[in-house]
Amino acid sequence: MARLERDAFPELGAMGLREIKPADVLAMIRKVEARSALDVSRRLKQHVSLNRAGFVGGSNS
């Protein structure tokens, strides 16, 4: 959760799930990579991508 609070929420937190585009996720990941935190960037990408797909593309039941 700390990883999301530090890196994802400041970049994507104000956006609705349906508003987040791949370019938004990529911009967030690039900022993390600029810190040379490559493992963190990989984990963030997986976490954000999977959760976005689950919420946006998942069933509404």
PDB file of N, CA and C in Angstrom:
ATOM      1  N   MET A   1       0.820  -1.195   0.000  1.00  0.00           N
ATOM      2  CA  MET A   1       0.000   0.000   0.000  1.00  0.00           C
ATOM      3  C   MET A   1       0.864   1.258   0.000  1.00  0.00           C
ATOM      4  N   ALA A   2       1.986   1.212   0.692  1.00  0.00           N
ATOM      5  CA  ALA A   2       2.866   2.379   0.751  1.00  0.00           C
ATOM      6  C   ALA A   2       3.347   2.770  -0.638  1.00  0.00           C
ATOM      7  N   ARG A   3       3.606   1.769  -1.474  1.00  0.00           N
ATOM      8  CA  ARG A   3       4.059   2.021  -2.849  1.00  0.00           C
ATOM      9  C   ARG A   3       2.990   2.801  -3.616  1.00  0.00           C
ATOM     10  N   LEU A   4       1.737   2.411  -3.436  1.00  0.00           N
ATOM     11  CA  LEU A   4       0.642   3.117  -4.103  1.00  0.00           C
ATOM     12  C   LEU A   4       0.475   4.521  -3.557  1.00  0.00           C
ATOM     13  N   GLU A   5       0.544   4.649  -2.243  1.00  0.00           N
ATOM     14  CA  GLU A   5       0.390   5.967  -1.620  1.00  0.00           C
ATOM     15  C   GLU A   5       1.490   6.921  -2.059  1.00  0.00           C
ATOM     16  N   ARG A   6       2.705   6.413  -2.207  1.00  0.00           N
ATOM     17  CA  ARG A   6       3.838   7.262  -2.564  1.00  0.00           C
ATOM     18  C   ARG A   6       3.859   7.616  -4.047  1.00  0.00           C
ATOM     19  N   ASP A   7       3.524   6.651  -4.899  1.00  0.00           N
ATOM     20  CA  ASP A   7       3.740   6.853  -6.331  1.00  0.00           C
ATOM     21  C   ASP A   7       2.478   6.925  -7.182  1.00  0.00           C
ATOM     22  N   ALA A   8       1.495   6.087  -6.910  1.00  0.00           N
ATOM     23  CA  ALA A   8       0.314   6.032  -7.778  1.00  0.00           C
ATOM     24  C   ALA A   8      -0.739   7.065  -7.411  1.00  0.00           C
ATOM     25  N   PHE A   9      -1.072   7.161  -6.132  1.00  0.00           N
ATOM     26  CA  PHE A   9      -2.155   8.053  -5.730  1.00  0.00           C
ATOM     27  C   PHE A   9      -1.903   9.520  -6.089  1.00  0.00           C
ATOM     28  N   PRO A  10      -0.686  10.049  -5.897  1.00  0.00           N
ATOM     29  CA  PRO A  10      -0.477  11.443  -6.290  1.00  0.00           C
ATOM     30  C   PRO A  10      -0.683  11.680  -7.789  1.00  0.00           C
ATOM     31  N   GLU A  11      -0.389  10.683  -8.597  1.00  0.00           N
ATOM     32  CA  GLU A  11      -0.516  10.829 -10.050  1.00  0.00           C
ATOM     33  C   GLU A  11      -1.907  10.492 -10.569  1.00  0.00           C
ATOM     34  N   LEU A  12      -2.519   9.461 -10.012  1.00  0.00           N
ATOM     35  CA  LEU A  12      -3.767   8.936 -10.572  1.00  0.00           C
ATOM     36  C   LEU A  12      -4.961   9.042  -9.634  1.00  0.00           C
ATOM     37  N   GLY A  13      -4.711   9.364  -8.381  1.00  0.00           N
ATOM     38  CA  GLY A  13      -5.749   9.302  -7.358  1.00  0.00           C
ATOM     39  C   GLY A  13      -6.950  10.204  -7.587  1.00  0.00           C
ATOM     40  N   ALA A  14      -6.764  11.327  -8.243  1.00  0.00           N
ATOM     41  CA  ALA A  14      -7.875  12.255  -8.469  1.00  0.00           C
ATOM     42  C   ALA A  14      -8.726  11.847  -9.680  1.00  0.00           C
ATOM     43  N   MET A  15      -8.243  10.870 -10.430  1.00  0.00           N
ATOM     44  CA  MET A  15      -8.942  10.445 -11.642  1.00  0.00           C
ATOM     45  C   MET A  15      -9.899   9.297 -11.325  1.00  0.00           C
ATOM     46  N   GLY A  16     -10.997   9.251 -12.018  1.00  0.00           N
ATOM     47  CA  GLY A  16     -11.888   8.106 -11.927  1.00  0.00           C
ATOM     48  C   GLY A  16     -11.261   6.923 -12.642  1.00  0.00           C
ATOM     49  N   LEU A  17     -11.624   5.716 -12.265  1.00  0.00           N
ATOM     50  CA  LEU A  17     -11.016   4.531 -12.884  1.00  0.00           C
ATOM     51  C   LEU A  17     -11.202   4.508 -14.394  1.00  0.00           C
ATOM     52  N   ARG A  18     -12.332   4.927 -14.853  1.00  0.00           N
ATOM     53  CA  ARG A  18     -12.594   4.925 -16.295  1.00  0.00           C
ATOM     54  C   ARG A  18     -11.841   6.035 -17.020  1.00  0.00           C
ATOM     55  N   GLU A  19     -11.342   7.005 -16.288  1.00  0.00           N
ATOM     56  CA  GLU A  19     -10.591   8.107 -16.891  1.00  0.00           C
ATOM     57  C   GLU A  19      -9.117   7.780 -17.080  1.00  0.00           C
ATOM     58  N   ILE A  20      -8.599   6.826 -16.330  1.00  0.00           N
ATOM     59  CA  ILE A  20      -7.173   6.515 -16.381  1.00  0.00           C
ATOM     60  C   ILE A  20      -6.861   5.815 -17.695  1.00  0.00           C
ATOM     61  N   LYS A  21      -5.954   6.404 -18.434  1.00  0.00           N
ATOM     62  CA  LYS A  21      -5.536   5.876 -19.730  1.00  0.00           C
ATOM     63  C   LYS A  21      -4.157   5.242 -19.594  1.00  0.00           C
ATOM     64  N   PRO A  22      -3.810   4.356 -20.515  1.00  0.00           N
ATOM     65  CA  PRO A  22      -2.473   3.767 -20.481  1.00  0.00           C
ATOM     66  C   PRO A  22      -1.356   4.817 -20.433  1.00  0.00           C
ATOM     67  N   ALA A  23      -1.548   5.934 -21.111  1.00  0.00           N
ATOM     68  CA  ALA A  23      -0.528   6.992 -21.094  1.00  0.00           C
ATOM     69  C   ALA A  23      -0.352   7.577 -19.692  1.00  0.00           C
ATOM     70  N   ASP A  24      -1.418   7.629 -18.906  1.00  0.00           N
ATOM     71  CA  ASP A  24      -1.337   8.118 -17.527  1.00  0.00           C
ATOM     72  C   ASP A  24      -0.513   7.165 -16.672  1.00  0.00           C
ATOM     73  N   VAL A  25      -0.761   5.878 -16.843  1.00  0.00           N
ATOM     74  CA  VAL A  25      -0.003   4.872 -16.093  1.00  0.00           C
ATOM     75  C   VAL A  25       1.458   4.923 -16.521  1.00  0.00           C
ATOM     76  N   LEU A  26       1.707   5.047 -17.806  1.00  0.00           N
ATOM     77  CA  LEU A  26       3.074   5.104 -18.308  1.00  0.00           C
ATOM     78  C   LEU A  26       3.823   6.314 -17.753  1.00  0.00           C
ATOM     79  N   ALA A  27       3.168   7.465 -17.704  1.00  0.00           N
ATOM     80  CA  ALA A  27       3.810   8.662 -17.148  1.00  0.00           C
ATOM     81  C   ALA A  27       4.186   8.454 -15.682  1.00  0.00           C
ATOM     82  N   MET A  28       3.299   7.819 -14.923  1.00  0.00           N
ATOM     83  CA  MET A  28       3.590   7.535 -13.519  1.00  0.00           C
ATOM     84  C   MET A  28       4.782   6.588 -13.411  1.00  0.00           C
ATOM     85  N   ILE A  29       4.786   5.548 -14.224  1.00  0.00           N
ATOM     86  CA  ILE A  29       5.870   4.564 -14.203  1.00  0.00           C
ATOM     87  C   ILE A  29       7.194   5.218 -14.573  1.00  0.00           C
ATOM     88  N   ARG A  30       7.185   6.084 -15.557  1.00  0.00           N
ATOM     89  CA  ARG A  30       8.419   6.767 -15.989  1.00  0.00           C
ATOM     90  C   ARG A  30       9.003   7.622 -14.864  1.00  0.00           C
ATOM     91  N   LYS A  31       8.153   8.254 -14.073  1.00  0.00           N
ATOM     92  CA  LYS A  31       8.643   9.053 -12.946  1.00  0.00           C
ATOM     93  C   LYS A  31       9.335   8.172 -11.914  1.00  0.00           C
ATOM     94  N   VAL A  32       8.779   7.001 -11.678  1.00  0.00           N
ATOM     95  CA  VAL A  32       9.396   6.066 -10.733  1.00  0.00           C
ATOM     96  C   VAL A  32      10.712   5.548 -11.311  1.00  0.00           C
ATOM     97  N   GLU A  33      10.729   5.227 -12.593  1.00  0.00           N
ATOM     98  CA  GLU A  33      11.951   4.759 -13.232  1.00  0.00           C
ATOM     99  C   GLU A  33      13.046   5.817 -13.204  1.00  0.00           C
ATOM    100  N   ALA A  34      12.664   7.079 -13.278  1.00  0.00           N
ATOM    101  CA  ALA A  34      13.645   8.175 -13.232  1.00  0.00           C
ATOM    102  C   ALA A  34      14.398   8.193 -11.903  1.00  0.00           C
ATOM    103  N   ARG A  35      13.794   7.624 -10.865  1.00  0.00           N
ATOM    104  CA  ARG A  35      14.454   7.502  -9.557  1.00  0.00           C
ATOM    105  C   ARG A  35      15.319   6.251  -9.493  1.00  0.00           C
ATOM    106  N   SER A  36      15.381   5.515 -10.587  1.00  0.00           N
ATOM    107  CA  SER A  36      16.100   4.232 -10.658  1.00  0.00           C
ATOM    108  C   SER A  36      15.476   3.181  -9.752  1.00  0.00           C
ATOM    109  N   ALA A  37      14.199   3.301  -9.505  1.00  0.00           N
ATOM    110  CA  ALA A  37      13.463   2.324  -8.696  1.00  0.00           C
ATOM    111  C   ALA A  37      12.746   1.365  -9.646  1.00  0.00           C
ATOM    112  N   LEU A  38      13.540   0.565 -10.362  1.00  0.00           N
ATOM    113  CA  LEU A  38      12.991  -0.267 -11.424  1.00  0.00           C
ATOM    114  C   LEU A  38      12.093  -1.384 -10.903  1.00  0.00           C
ATOM    115  N   ASP A  39      12.448  -1.979  -9.792  1.00  0.00           N
ATOM    116  CA  ASP A  39      11.591  -3.030  -9.223  1.00  0.00           C
ATOM    117  C   ASP A  39      10.253  -2.443  -8.777  1.00  0.00           C
ATOM    118  N   VAL A  40      10.307  -1.278  -8.163  1.00  0.00           N
ATOM    119  CA  VAL A  40       9.073  -0.608  -7.733  1.00  0.00           C
ATOM    120  C   VAL A  40       8.216  -0.276  -8.950  1.00  0.00           C
ATOM    121  N   SER A  41       8.834   0.224 -10.012  1.00  0.00           N
ATOM    122  CA  SER A  41       8.066   0.582 -11.209  1.00  0.00           C
ATOM    123  C   SER A  41       7.391  -0.638 -11.815  1.00  0.00           C
ATOM    124  N   ARG A  42       8.086  -1.772 -11.835  1.00  0.00           N
ATOM    125  CA  ARG A  42       7.507  -2.998 -12.381  1.00  0.00           C
ATOM    126  C   ARG A  42       6.313  -3.454 -11.544  1.00  0.00           C
ATOM    127  N   ARG A  43       6.465  -3.418 -10.236  1.00  0.00           N
ATOM    128  CA  ARG A  43       5.371  -3.847  -9.352  1.00  0.00           C
ATOM    129  C   ARG A  43       4.175  -2.896  -9.443  1.00  0.00           C
ATOM    130  N   LEU A  44       4.452  -1.612  -9.523  1.00  0.00           N
ATOM    131  CA  LEU A  44       3.368  -0.634  -9.672  1.00  0.00           C
ATOM    132  C   LEU A  44       2.595  -0.873 -10.963  1.00  0.00           C
ATOM    133  N   LYS A  45       3.330  -1.082 -12.027  1.00  0.00           N
ATOM    134  CA  LYS A  45       2.680  -1.305 -13.320  1.00  0.00           C
ATOM    135  C   LYS A  45       1.763  -2.518 -13.250  1.00  0.00           C
ATOM    136  N   GLN A  46       2.240  -3.594 -12.662  1.00  0.00           N
ATOM    137  CA  GLN A  46       1.418  -4.792 -12.530  1.00  0.00           C
ATOM    138  C   GLN A  46       0.194  -4.518 -11.673  1.00  0.00           C
ATOM    139  N   HIS A  47       0.397  -3.888 -10.541  1.00  0.00           N
ATOM    140  CA  HIS A  47      -0.700  -3.655  -9.608  1.00  0.00           C
ATOM    141  C   HIS A  47      -1.765  -2.731 -10.200  1.00  0.00           C
ATOM    142  N   VAL A  48      -1.328  -1.624 -10.755  1.00  0.00           N
ATOM    143  CA  VAL A  48      -2.274  -0.650 -11.301  1.00  0.00           C
ATOM    144  C   VAL A  48      -2.984  -1.222 -12.523  1.00  0.00           C
ATOM    145  N   SER A  49      -2.261  -1.901 -13.385  1.00  0.00           N
ATOM    146  CA  SER A  49      -2.870  -2.450 -14.592  1.00  0.00           C
ATOM    147  C   SER A  49      -3.894  -3.529 -14.260  1.00  0.00           C
ATOM    148  N   LEU A  50      -3.547  -4.417 -13.342  1.00  0.00           N
ATOM    149  CA  LEU A  50      -4.474  -5.486 -12.968  1.00  0.00           C
ATOM    150  C   LEU A  50      -5.713  -4.940 -12.279  1.00  0.00           C
ATOM    151  N   ASN A  51      -5.531  -3.996 -11.378  1.00  0.00           N
ATOM    152  CA  ASN A  51      -6.684  -3.440 -10.669  1.00  0.00           C
ATOM    153  C   ASN A  51      -7.571  -2.642 -11.608  1.00  0.00           C
ATOM    154  N   ARG A  52      -6.984  -1.888 -12.503  1.00  0.00           N
ATOM    155  CA  ARG A  52      -7.782  -1.116 -13.445  1.00  0.00           C
ATOM    156  C   ARG A  52      -8.583  -2.060 -14.335  1.00  0.00           C
ATOM    157  N   ALA A  53      -7.950  -3.109 -14.821  1.00  0.00           N
ATOM    158  CA  ALA A  53      -8.651  -4.065 -15.681  1.00  0.00           C
ATOM    159  C   ALA A  53      -9.779  -4.749 -14.911  1.00  0.00           C
ATOM    160  N   GLY A  54      -9.531  -5.071 -13.667  1.00  0.00           N
ATOM    161  CA  GLY A  54     -10.544  -5.739 -12.864  1.00  0.00           C
ATOM    162  C   GLY A  54     -11.740  -4.858 -12.573  1.00  0.00           C
ATOM    163  N   PHE A  55     -11.490  -3.587 -12.289  1.00  0.00           N
ATOM    164  CA  PHE A  55     -12.590  -2.676 -11.971  1.00  0.00           C
ATOM    165  C   PHE A  55     -13.315  -2.205 -13.223  1.00  0.00           C
ATOM    166  N   VAL A  56     -12.586  -1.854 -14.251  1.00  0.00           N
ATOM    167  CA  VAL A  56     -13.203  -1.307 -15.451  1.00  0.00           C
ATOM    168  C   VAL A  56     -13.786  -2.402 -16.321  1.00  0.00           C
ATOM    169  N   GLY A  57     -13.056  -3.505 -16.466  1.00  0.00           N
ATOM    170  CA  GLY A  57     -13.506  -4.560 -17.373  1.00  0.00           C
ATOM    171  C   GLY A  57     -14.243  -5.683 -16.689  1.00  0.00           C
ATOM    172  N   GLY A  58     -14.266  -5.675 -15.367  1.00  0.00           N
ATOM    173  CA  GLY A  58     -14.892  -6.769 -14.626  1.00  0.00           C
ATOM    174  C   GLY A  58     -16.399  -6.683 -14.652  1.00  0.00           C
ATOM    175  N   SER A  59     -17.013  -7.692 -14.095  1.00  0.00           N
ATOM    176  CA  SER A  59     -18.474  -7.703 -14.066  1.00  0.00           C
ATOM    177  C   SER A  59     -18.988  -6.732 -13.008  1.00  0.00           C
ATOM    178  N   ASN A  60     -20.194  -6.325 -13.158  1.00  0.00           N
ATOM    179  CA  ASN A  60     -20.813  -5.381 -12.226  1.00  0.00           C
ATOM    180  C   ASN A  60     -21.673  -6.070 -11.191  1.00  0.00           C
ATOM    181  N   SER A  61     -21.550  -7.369 -11.061  1.00  0.00           N
ATOM    182  CA  SER A  61     -22.397  -8.081 -10.108  1.00  0.00           C
ATOM    183  C   SER A  61     -21.786  -8.109  -8.730  1.00  0.00           C
TER     184      SER A  61
END
